[in-house]
Amino acid sequence: MNASMHEDARQREEARLWGLRLLIDSACYRLRADVASPHDAIDLIVATKTKALKLFPDKEPQFDLIYLPRLLRLVRERWGNPLPAAEASKPATLLLRHGK
């Protein structure tokens, strides 16, 4: 690979990272101010995860480790725990599996 190919790959990666930051920041804003119900909030998180995995298809574990707790914390801060008691004990990654 020559230097211009490395630079092009670096720029594409930076663009994807910028897109992910924008996606997560937008979801956080909407969870704080715009979403009307806990059900809509969970739908937003699932949609956000789906979009993030389109940008980074092989990074579901990283999303679940880094972003999912942040997004769920915003839901809990606004509505408490919106999940039924039986599901609240399950890890969030099982509840928000990609493609469900």
PDB file of N, CA and C in Angstrom:
ATOM      1  N   MET A   1       0.837  -1.193   0.000  1.00  0.00           N
ATOM      2  CA  MET A   1       0.000   0.000   0.000  1.00  0.00           C
ATOM      3  C   MET A   1       0.874   1.246   0.000  1.00  0.00           C
ATOM      4  N   ASN A   2       0.507   2.194  -0.803  1.00  0.00           N
ATOM      5  CA  ASN A   2       1.267   3.433  -0.815  1.00  0.00           C
ATOM      6  C   ASN A   2       0.665   4.419   0.175  1.00  0.00           C
ATOM      7  N   ALA A   3       1.330   5.537   0.330  1.00  0.00           N
ATOM      8  CA  ALA A   3       0.918   6.523   1.333  1.00  0.00           C
ATOM      9  C   ALA A   3      -0.476   7.091   1.049  1.00  0.00           C
ATOM     10  N   SER A   4      -0.811   7.298  -0.205  1.00  0.00           N
ATOM     11  CA  SER A   4      -2.134   7.868  -0.509  1.00  0.00           C
ATOM     12  C   SER A   4      -3.257   6.885  -0.184  1.00  0.00           C
ATOM     13  N   MET A   5      -2.999   5.593  -0.332  1.00  0.00           N
ATOM     14  CA  MET A   5      -3.998   4.597   0.025  1.00  0.00           C
ATOM     15  C   MET A   5      -4.206   4.566   1.535  1.00  0.00           C
ATOM     16  N   HIS A   6      -3.115   4.679   2.294  1.00  0.00           N
ATOM     17  CA  HIS A   6      -3.226   4.728   3.753  1.00  0.00           C
ATOM     18  C   HIS A   6      -3.991   5.972   4.191  1.00  0.00           C
ATOM     19  N   GLU A   7      -3.706   7.091   3.557  1.00  0.00           N
ATOM     20  CA  GLU A   7      -4.389   8.345   3.890  1.00  0.00           C
ATOM     21  C   GLU A   7      -5.883   8.237   3.571  1.00  0.00           C
ATOM     22  N   ASP A   8      -6.207   7.635   2.451  1.00  0.00           N
ATOM     23  CA  ASP A   8      -7.608   7.460   2.070  1.00  0.00           C
ATOM     24  C   ASP A   8      -8.331   6.560   3.076  1.00  0.00           C
ATOM     25  N   ALA A   9      -7.708   5.480   3.476  1.00  0.00           N
ATOM     26  CA  ALA A   9      -8.304   4.573   4.466  1.00  0.00           C
ATOM     27  C   ALA A   9      -8.481   5.290   5.806  1.00  0.00           C
ATOM     28  N   ARG A  10      -7.514   6.079   6.194  1.00  0.00           N
ATOM     29  CA  ARG A  10      -7.594   6.829   7.447  1.00  0.00           C
ATOM     30  C   ARG A  10      -8.745   7.830   7.398  1.00  0.00           C
ATOM     31  N   GLN A  11      -8.893   8.511   6.280  1.00  0.00           N
ATOM     32  CA  GLN A  11      -9.977   9.483   6.137  1.00  0.00           C
ATOM     33  C   GLN A  11     -11.351   8.804   6.169  1.00  0.00           C
ATOM     34  N   ARG A  12     -11.463   7.630   5.545  1.00  0.00           N
ATOM     35  CA  ARG A  12     -12.736   6.897   5.591  1.00  0.00           C
ATOM     36  C   ARG A  12     -13.061   6.469   7.023  1.00  0.00           C
ATOM     37  N   GLU A  13     -12.066   6.008   7.750  1.00  0.00           N
ATOM     38  CA  GLU A  13     -12.268   5.605   9.142  1.00  0.00           C
ATOM     39  C   GLU A  13     -12.675   6.805  10.002  1.00  0.00           C
ATOM     40  N   GLU A  14     -12.033   7.929   9.803  1.00  0.00           N
ATOM     41  CA  GLU A  14     -12.390   9.143  10.544  1.00  0.00           C
ATOM     42  C   GLU A  14     -13.827   9.569  10.235  1.00  0.00           C
ATOM     43  N   ALA A  15     -14.240   9.450   8.992  1.00  0.00           N
ATOM     44  CA  ALA A  15     -15.608   9.810   8.615  1.00  0.00           C
ATOM     45  C   ALA A  15     -16.615   8.876   9.286  1.00  0.00           C
ATOM     46  N   ARG A  16     -16.300   7.590   9.343  1.00  0.00           N
ATOM     47  CA  ARG A  16     -17.198   6.642  10.018  1.00  0.00           C
ATOM     48  C   ARG A  16     -17.264   6.947  11.516  1.00  0.00           C
ATOM     49  N   LEU A  17     -16.131   7.253  12.128  1.00  0.00           N
ATOM     50  CA  LEU A  17     -16.118   7.589  13.559  1.00  0.00           C
ATOM     51  C   LEU A  17     -16.904   8.871  13.830  1.00  0.00           C
ATOM     52  N   TRP A  18     -16.755   9.854  12.960  1.00  0.00           N
ATOM     53  CA  TRP A  18     -17.522  11.099  13.110  1.00  0.00           C
ATOM     54  C   TRP A  18     -19.013  10.798  13.010  1.00  0.00           C
ATOM     55  N   GLY A  19     -19.399   9.954  12.043  1.00  0.00           N
ATOM     56  CA  GLY A  19     -20.796   9.567  11.894  1.00  0.00           C
ATOM     57  C   GLY A  19     -21.331   8.850  13.130  1.00  0.00           C
ATOM     58  N   LEU A  20     -20.514   7.994  13.728  1.00  0.00           N
ATOM     59  CA  LEU A  20     -20.921   7.289  14.941  1.00  0.00           C
ATOM     60  C   LEU A  20     -21.091   8.260  16.103  1.00  0.00           C
ATOM     61  N   ARG A  21     -20.161   9.173  16.260  1.00  0.00           N
ATOM     62  CA  ARG A  21     -20.282  10.178  17.330  1.00  0.00           C
ATOM     63  C   ARG A  21     -21.557  11.001  17.160  1.00  0.00           C
ATOM     64  N   LEU A  22     -21.828  11.421  15.950  1.00  0.00           N
ATOM     65  CA  LEU A  22     -23.034  12.194  15.669  1.00  0.00           C
ATOM     66  C   LEU A  22     -24.290  11.371  15.973  1.00  0.00           C
ATOM     67  N   LEU A  23     -24.292  10.119  15.585  1.00  0.00           N
ATOM     68  CA  LEU A  23     -25.421   9.220  15.833  1.00  0.00           C
ATOM     69  C   LEU A  23     -25.679   9.060  17.333  1.00  0.00           C
ATOM     70  N   ILE A  24     -24.640   8.806  18.103  1.00  0.00           N
ATOM     71  CA  ILE A  24     -24.780   8.600  19.543  1.00  0.00           C
ATOM     72  C   ILE A  24     -25.179   9.903  20.230  1.00  0.00           C
ATOM     73  N   ASP A  25     -24.543  10.998  19.863  1.00  0.00           N
ATOM     74  CA  ASP A  25     -24.902  12.292  20.465  1.00  0.00           C
ATOM     75  C   ASP A  25     -26.358  12.653  20.175  1.00  0.00           C
ATOM     76  N   SER A  26     -26.810  12.382  18.963  1.00  0.00           N
ATOM     77  CA  SER A  26     -28.197  12.658  18.590  1.00  0.00           C
ATOM     78  C   SER A  26     -29.152  11.782  19.404  1.00  0.00           C
ATOM     79  N   ALA A  27     -28.832  10.517  19.554  1.00  0.00           N
ATOM     80  CA  ALA A  27     -29.676   9.619  20.343  1.00  0.00           C
ATOM     81  C   ALA A  27     -29.733  10.078  21.794  1.00  0.00           C
ATOM     82  N   CYS A  28     -28.605  10.496  22.354  1.00  0.00           N
ATOM     83  CA  CYS A  28     -28.583  10.984  23.742  1.00  0.00           C
ATOM     84  C   CYS A  28     -29.456  12.228  23.892  1.00  0.00           C
ATOM     85  N   TYR A  29     -29.352  13.140  22.956  1.00  0.00           N
ATOM     86  CA  TYR A  29     -30.180  14.340  23.008  1.00  0.00           C
ATOM     87  C   TYR A  29     -31.662  13.970  22.966  1.00  0.00           C
ATOM     88  N   ARG A  30     -32.014  13.094  22.028  1.00  0.00           N
ATOM     89  CA  ARG A  30     -33.416  12.706  21.889  1.00  0.00           C
ATOM     90  C   ARG A  30     -33.926  11.978  23.126  1.00  0.00           C
ATOM     91  N   LEU A  31     -33.087  11.153  23.740  1.00  0.00           N
ATOM     92  CA  LEU A  31     -33.505  10.445  24.958  1.00  0.00           C
ATOM     93  C   LEU A  31     -33.750  11.424  26.107  1.00  0.00           C
ATOM     94  N   ARG A  32     -32.954  12.492  26.163  1.00  0.00           N
ATOM     95  CA  ARG A  32     -33.121  13.481  27.227  1.00  0.00           C
ATOM     96  C   ARG A  32     -34.332  14.376  27.011  1.00  0.00           C
ATOM     97  N   ALA A  33     -34.662  14.693  25.753  1.00  0.00           N
ATOM     98  CA  ALA A  33     -35.604  15.787  25.522  1.00  0.00           C
ATOM     99  C   ALA A  33     -36.753  15.495  24.568  1.00  0.00           C
ATOM    100  N   ASP A  34     -36.635  14.529  23.726  1.00  0.00           N
ATOM    101  CA  ASP A  34     -37.550  14.426  22.597  1.00  0.00           C
ATOM    102  C   ASP A  34     -38.442  13.191  22.626  1.00  0.00           C
ATOM    103  N   VAL A  35     -37.978  12.112  23.197  1.00  0.00           N
ATOM    104  CA  VAL A  35     -38.708  10.843  23.154  1.00  0.00           C
ATOM    105  C   VAL A  35     -39.863  10.886  24.152  1.00  0.00           C
ATOM    106  N   ALA A  36     -41.038  10.408  23.737  1.00  0.00           N
ATOM    107  CA  ALA A  36     -42.254  10.572  24.530  1.00  0.00           C
ATOM    108  C   ALA A  36     -42.503   9.476  25.557  1.00  0.00           C
ATOM    109  N   SER A  37     -41.931   8.285  25.362  1.00  0.00           N
ATOM    110  CA  SER A  37     -42.245   7.186  26.276  1.00  0.00           C
ATOM    111  C   SER A  37     -41.042   6.250  26.410  1.00  0.00           C
ATOM    112  N   PRO A  38     -41.023   5.438  27.458  1.00  0.00           N
ATOM    113  CA  PRO A  38     -39.941   4.451  27.594  1.00  0.00           C
ATOM    114  C   PRO A  38     -39.914   3.478  26.417  1.00  0.00           C
ATOM    115  N   HIS A  39     -41.084   3.102  25.905  1.00  0.00           N
ATOM    116  CA  HIS A  39     -41.131   2.193  24.753  1.00  0.00           C
ATOM    117  C   HIS A  39     -40.463   2.843  23.543  1.00  0.00           C
ATOM    118  N   ASP A  40     -40.759   4.109  23.306  1.00  0.00           N
ATOM    119  CA  ASP A  40     -40.118   4.828  22.200  1.00  0.00           C
ATOM    120  C   ASP A  40     -38.614   4.951  22.426  1.00  0.00           C
ATOM    121  N   ALA A  41     -38.212   5.106  23.670  1.00  0.00           N
ATOM    122  CA  ALA A  41     -36.792   5.209  23.988  1.00  0.00           C
ATOM    123  C   ALA A  41     -36.064   3.913  23.639  1.00  0.00           C
ATOM    124  N   ILE A  42     -36.652   2.782  24.002  1.00  0.00           N
ATOM    125  CA  ILE A  42     -36.028   1.492  23.673  1.00  0.00           C
ATOM    126  C   ILE A  42     -35.988   1.313  22.159  1.00  0.00           C
ATOM    127  N   ASP A  43     -37.056   1.701  21.467  1.00  0.00           N
ATOM    128  CA  ASP A  43     -37.057   1.636  19.996  1.00  0.00           C
ATOM    129  C   ASP A  43     -35.934   2.488  19.413  1.00  0.00           C
ATOM    130  N   LEU A  44     -35.724   3.675  19.989  1.00  0.00           N
ATOM    131  CA  LEU A  44     -34.649   4.551  19.521  1.00  0.00           C
ATOM    132  C   LEU A  44     -33.285   3.905  19.740  1.00  0.00           C
ATOM    133  N   ILE A  45     -33.091   3.269  20.881  1.00  0.00           N
ATOM    134  CA  ILE A  45     -31.812   2.608  21.165  1.00  0.00           C
ATOM    135  C   ILE A  45     -31.567   1.477  20.171  1.00  0.00           C
ATOM    136  N   VAL A  46     -32.588   0.689  19.895  1.00  0.00           N
ATOM    137  CA  VAL A  46     -32.446  -0.409  18.930  1.00  0.00           C
ATOM    138  C   VAL A  46     -32.119   0.149  17.544  1.00  0.00           C
ATOM    139  N   ALA A  47     -32.798   1.213  17.128  1.00  0.00           N
ATOM    140  CA  ALA A  47     -32.526   1.828  15.821  1.00  0.00           C
ATOM    141  C   ALA A  47     -31.110   2.408  15.775  1.00  0.00           C
ATOM    142  N   THR A  48     -30.686   3.008  16.882  1.00  0.00           N
ATOM    143  CA  THR A  48     -29.332   3.568  16.951  1.00  0.00           C
ATOM    144  C   THR A  48     -28.296   2.465  16.826  1.00  0.00           C
ATOM    145  N   LYS A  49     -28.527   1.368  17.529  1.00  0.00           N
ATOM    146  CA  LYS A  49     -27.594   0.243  17.451  1.00  0.00           C
ATOM    147  C   LYS A  49     -27.535  -0.313  16.030  1.00  0.00           C
ATOM    148  N   THR A  50     -28.690  -0.438  15.383  1.00  0.00           N
ATOM    149  CA  THR A  50     -28.731  -0.942  14.010  1.00  0.00           C
ATOM    150  C   THR A  50     -27.909  -0.048  13.078  1.00  0.00           C
ATOM    151  N   LYS A  51     -28.081   1.255  13.213  1.00  0.00           N
ATOM    152  CA  LYS A  51     -27.328   2.202  12.370  1.00  0.00           C
ATOM    153  C   LYS A  51     -25.839   2.152  12.683  1.00  0.00           C
ATOM    154  N   ALA A  52     -25.497   2.044  13.959  1.00  0.00           N
ATOM    155  CA  ALA A  52     -24.082   1.971  14.350  1.00  0.00           C
ATOM    156  C   ALA A  52     -23.429   0.719  13.763  1.00  0.00           C
ATOM    157  N   LEU A  53     -24.164  -0.381  13.762  1.00  0.00           N
ATOM    158  CA  LEU A  53     -23.594  -1.625  13.233  1.00  0.00           C
ATOM    159  C   LEU A  53     -23.498  -1.610  11.716  1.00  0.00           C
ATOM    160  N   LYS A  54     -24.231  -0.722  11.060  1.00  0.00           N
ATOM    161  CA  LYS A  54     -24.030  -0.545   9.618  1.00  0.00           C
ATOM    162  C   LYS A  54     -22.708   0.171   9.359  1.00  0.00           C
ATOM    163  N   LEU A  55     -22.348   1.085  10.258  1.00  0.00           N
ATOM    164  CA  LEU A  55     -21.065   1.780  10.133  1.00  0.00           C
ATOM    165  C   LEU A  55     -19.897   0.866  10.508  1.00  0.00           C
ATOM    166  N   PHE A  56     -20.110   0.046  11.553  1.00  0.00           N
ATOM    167  CA  PHE A  56     -19.066  -0.837  12.083  1.00  0.00           C
ATOM    168  C   PHE A  56     -19.671  -2.226  12.301  1.00  0.00           C
ATOM    169  N   PRO A  57     -19.815  -3.011  11.225  1.00  0.00           N
ATOM    170  CA  PRO A  57     -20.553  -4.277  11.299  1.00  0.00           C
ATOM    171  C   PRO A  57     -20.016  -5.291  12.310  1.00  0.00           C
ATOM    172  N   ASP A  58     -18.755  -5.298  12.567  1.00  0.00           N
ATOM    173  CA  ASP A  58     -18.163  -6.321  13.438  1.00  0.00           C
ATOM    174  C   ASP A  58     -17.979  -5.840  14.877  1.00  0.00           C
ATOM    175  N   LYS A  59     -18.637  -4.772  15.265  1.00  0.00           N
ATOM    176  CA  LYS A  59     -18.373  -4.156  16.572  1.00  0.00           C
ATOM    177  C   LYS A  59     -19.559  -4.197  17.535  1.00  0.00           C
ATOM    178  N   GLU A  60     -20.445  -5.187  17.412  1.00  0.00           N
ATOM    179  CA  GLU A  60     -21.577  -5.264  18.334  1.00  0.00           C
ATOM    180  C   GLU A  60     -21.141  -5.388  19.793  1.00  0.00           C
ATOM    181  N   PRO A  61     -20.155  -6.228  20.127  1.00  0.00           N
ATOM    182  CA  PRO A  61     -19.741  -6.293  21.539  1.00  0.00           C
ATOM    183  C   PRO A  61     -19.233  -4.951  22.064  1.00  0.00           C
ATOM    184  N   GLN A  62     -18.533  -4.200  21.232  1.00  0.00           N
ATOM    185  CA  GLN A  62     -18.033  -2.901  21.645  1.00  0.00           C
ATOM    186  C   GLN A  62     -19.188  -1.919  21.851  1.00  0.00           C
ATOM    187  N   PHE A  63     -20.185  -1.942  20.971  1.00  0.00           N
ATOM    188  CA  PHE A  63     -21.357  -1.089  21.156  1.00  0.00           C
ATOM    189  C   PHE A  63     -22.022  -1.410  22.484  1.00  0.00           C
ATOM    190  N   ASP A  64     -22.219  -2.709  22.740  1.00  0.00           N
ATOM    191  CA  ASP A  64     -22.884  -3.140  23.970  1.00  0.00           C
ATOM    192  C   ASP A  64     -22.092  -2.757  25.212  1.00  0.00           C
ATOM    193  N   LEU A  65     -20.791  -2.717  25.104  1.00  0.00           N
ATOM    194  CA  LEU A  65     -19.937  -2.377  26.241  1.00  0.00           C
ATOM    195  C   LEU A  65     -19.823  -0.869  26.453  1.00  0.00           C
ATOM    196  N   ILE A  66     -19.743  -0.106  25.378  1.00  0.00           N
ATOM    197  CA  ILE A  66     -19.467   1.328  25.484  1.00  0.00           C
ATOM    198  C   ILE A  66     -20.738   2.175  25.459  1.00  0.00           C
ATOM    199  N   TYR A  67     -21.578   1.963  24.467  1.00  0.00           N
ATOM    200  CA  TYR A  67     -22.702   2.878  24.245  1.00  0.00           C
ATOM    201  C   TYR A  67     -24.013   2.430  24.885  1.00  0.00           C
ATOM    202  N   LEU A  68     -24.284   1.142  24.911  1.00  0.00           N
ATOM    203  CA  LEU A  68     -25.554   0.672  25.453  1.00  0.00           C
ATOM    204  C   LEU A  68     -25.761   1.085  26.915  1.00  0.00           C
ATOM    205  N   PRO A  69     -24.775   0.938  27.782  1.00  0.00           N
ATOM    206  CA  PRO A  69     -24.990   1.389  29.167  1.00  0.00           C
ATOM    207  C   PRO A  69     -25.287   2.890  29.256  1.00  0.00           C
ATOM    208  N   ARG A  70     -24.615   3.674  28.439  1.00  0.00           N
ATOM    209  CA  ARG A  70     -24.841   5.129  28.433  1.00  0.00           C
ATOM    210  C   ARG A  70     -26.276   5.455  28.021  1.00  0.00           C
ATOM    211  N   LEU A  71     -26.759   4.802  26.970  1.00  0.00           N
ATOM    212  CA  LEU A  71     -28.104   5.060  26.481  1.00  0.00           C
ATOM    213  C   LEU A  71     -29.155   4.578  27.483  1.00  0.00           C
ATOM    214  N   LEU A  72     -28.952   3.405  28.050  1.00  0.00           N
ATOM    215  CA  LEU A  72     -29.900   2.887  29.035  1.00  0.00           C
ATOM    216  C   LEU A  72     -29.912   3.718  30.315  1.00  0.00           C
ATOM    217  N   ARG A  73     -28.767   4.260  30.683  1.00  0.00           N
ATOM    218  CA  ARG A  73     -28.712   5.134  31.857  1.00  0.00           C
ATOM    219  C   ARG A  73     -29.605   6.361  31.647  1.00  0.00           C
ATOM    220  N   LEU A  74     -29.580   6.918  30.451  1.00  0.00           N
ATOM    221  CA  LEU A  74     -30.444   8.068  30.156  1.00  0.00           C
ATOM    222  C   LEU A  74     -31.917   7.694  30.260  1.00  0.00           C
ATOM    223  N   VAL A  75     -32.259   6.493  29.818  1.00  0.00           N
ATOM    224  CA  VAL A  75     -33.649   6.031  29.935  1.00  0.00           C
ATOM    225  C   VAL A  75     -34.016   5.901  31.409  1.00  0.00           C
ATOM    226  N   ARG A  76     -33.145   5.262  32.207  1.00  0.00           N
ATOM    227  CA  ARG A  76     -33.428   5.093  33.637  1.00  0.00           C
ATOM    228  C   ARG A  76     -33.519   6.430  34.358  1.00  0.00           C
ATOM    229  N   GLU A  77     -32.682   7.390  33.982  1.00  0.00           N
ATOM    230  CA  GLU A  77     -32.733   8.708  34.623  1.00  0.00           C
ATOM    231  C   GLU A  77     -34.061   9.403  34.356  1.00  0.00           C
ATOM    232  N   ARG A  78     -34.619   9.176  33.199  1.00  0.00           N
ATOM    233  CA  ARG A  78     -35.856   9.869  32.834  1.00  0.00           C
ATOM    234  C   ARG A  78     -37.112   9.123  33.275  1.00  0.00           C
ATOM    235  N   TRP A  79     -37.115   7.789  33.161  1.00  0.00           N
ATOM    236  CA  TRP A  79     -38.327   7.022  33.429  1.00  0.00           C
ATOM    237  C   TRP A  79     -38.156   5.941  34.486  1.00  0.00           C
ATOM    238  N   GLY A  80     -37.020   5.817  35.100  1.00  0.00           N
ATOM    239  CA  GLY A  80     -36.784   4.662  35.964  1.00  0.00           C
ATOM    240  C   GLY A  80     -36.472   3.461  35.079  1.00  0.00           C
ATOM    241  N   ASN A  81     -36.675   2.273  35.586  1.00  0.00           N
ATOM    242  CA  ASN A  81     -36.420   1.082  34.782  1.00  0.00           C
ATOM    243  C   ASN A  81     -37.678   0.736  34.003  1.00  0.00           C
ATOM    244  N   PRO A  82     -37.675   0.932  32.663  1.00  0.00           N
ATOM    245  CA  PRO A  82     -38.886   0.709  31.875  1.00  0.00           C
ATOM    246  C   PRO A  82     -39.149  -0.757  31.552  1.00  0.00           C
ATOM    247  N   LEU A  83     -38.236  -1.647  31.948  1.00  0.00           N
ATOM    248  CA  LEU A  83     -38.391  -3.052  31.598  1.00  0.00           C
ATOM    249  C   LEU A  83     -39.202  -3.777  32.666  1.00  0.00           C
ATOM    250  N   PRO A  84     -40.014  -4.747  32.268  1.00  0.00           N
ATOM    251  CA  PRO A  84     -40.742  -5.543  33.251  1.00  0.00           C
ATOM    252  C   PRO A  84     -39.762  -6.237  34.196  1.00  0.00           C
ATOM    253  N   ALA A  85     -40.199  -6.509  35.419  1.00  0.00           N
ATOM    254  CA  ALA A  85     -39.322  -7.079  36.446  1.00  0.00           C
ATOM    255  C   ALA A  85     -38.638  -8.354  35.975  1.00  0.00           C
ATOM    256  N   ALA A  86     -39.337  -9.195  35.243  1.00  0.00           N
ATOM    257  CA  ALA A  86     -38.753 -10.451  34.776  1.00  0.00           C
ATOM    258  C   ALA A  86     -37.602 -10.213  33.801  1.00  0.00           C
ATOM    259  N   GLU A  87     -37.701  -9.132  33.025  1.00  0.00           N
ATOM    260  CA  GLU A  87     -36.655  -8.846  32.042  1.00  0.00           C
ATOM    261  C   GLU A  87     -35.569  -7.949  32.602  1.00  0.00           C
ATOM    262  N   ALA A  88     -35.839  -7.238  33.665  1.00  0.00           N
ATOM    263  CA  ALA A  88     -34.878  -6.292  34.215  1.00  0.00           C
ATOM    264  C   ALA A  88     -33.611  -6.982  34.704  1.00  0.00           C
ATOM    265  N   SER A  89     -33.720  -8.260  35.063  1.00  0.00           N
ATOM    266  CA  SER A  89     -32.547  -8.967  35.560  1.00  0.00           C
ATOM    267  C   SER A  89     -31.664  -9.496  34.436  1.00  0.00           C
ATOM    268  N   LYS A  90     -32.174  -9.523  33.213  1.00  0.00           N
ATOM    269  CA  LYS A  90     -31.389 -10.007  32.079  1.00  0.00           C
ATOM    270  C   LYS A  90     -30.383  -8.941  31.665  1.00  0.00           C
ATOM    271  N   PRO A  91     -29.217  -9.372  31.183  1.00  0.00           N
ATOM    272  CA  PRO A  91     -28.285  -8.374  30.650  1.00  0.00           C
ATOM    273  C   PRO A  91     -28.923  -7.604  29.500  1.00  0.00           C
ATOM    274  N   ALA A  92     -28.650  -6.325  29.450  1.00  0.00           N
ATOM    275  CA  ALA A  92     -29.237  -5.457  28.425  1.00  0.00           C
ATOM    276  C   ALA A  92     -28.905  -5.950  27.013  1.00  0.00           C
ATOM    277  N   THR A  93     -27.754  -6.570  26.841  1.00  0.00           N
ATOM    278  CA  THR A  93     -27.383  -7.048  25.509  1.00  0.00           C
ATOM    279  C   THR A  93     -28.343  -8.109  25.012  1.00  0.00           C
ATOM    280  N   LEU A  94     -28.922  -8.916  25.913  1.00  0.00           N
ATOM    281  CA  LEU A  94     -29.888  -9.914  25.488  1.00  0.00           C
ATOM    282  C   LEU A  94     -31.209  -9.283  25.090  1.00  0.00           C
ATOM    283  N   LEU A  95     -31.548  -8.175  25.739  1.00  0.00           N
ATOM    284  CA  LEU A  95     -32.809  -7.511  25.463  1.00  0.00           C
ATOM    285  C   LEU A  95     -32.769  -6.698  24.169  1.00  0.00           C
ATOM    286  N   LEU A  96     -31.608  -6.255  23.799  1.00  0.00           N
ATOM    287  CA  LEU A  96     -31.488  -5.355  22.645  1.00  0.00           C
ATOM    288  C   LEU A  96     -30.636  -5.985  21.547  1.00  0.00           C
ATOM    289  N   ARG A  97     -30.779  -7.267  21.348  1.00  0.00           N
ATOM    290  CA  ARG A  97     -30.030  -7.950  20.301  1.00  0.00           C
ATOM    291  C   ARG A  97     -30.313  -7.304  18.970  1.00  0.00           C
ATOM    292  N   HIS A  98     -29.271  -7.152  18.194  1.00  0.00           N
ATOM    293  CA  HIS A  98     -29.390  -6.584  16.855  1.00  0.00           C
ATOM    294  C   HIS A  98     -30.319  -7.463  16.033  1.00  0.00           C
ATOM    295  N   GLY A  99     -31.247  -6.817  15.343  1.00  0.00           N
ATOM    296  CA  GLY A  99     -32.145  -7.541  14.465  1.00  0.00           C
ATOM    297  C   GLY A  99     -33.450  -7.940  15.107  1.00  0.00           C
ATOM    298  N   LYS A 100     -33.644  -7.688  16.388  1.00  0.00           N
ATOM    299  CA  LYS A 100     -34.913  -8.022  17.051  1.00  0.00           C
ATOM    300  C   LYS A 100     -35.924  -6.943  16.839  1.00  0.00           C
TER     301      LYS A 100
END
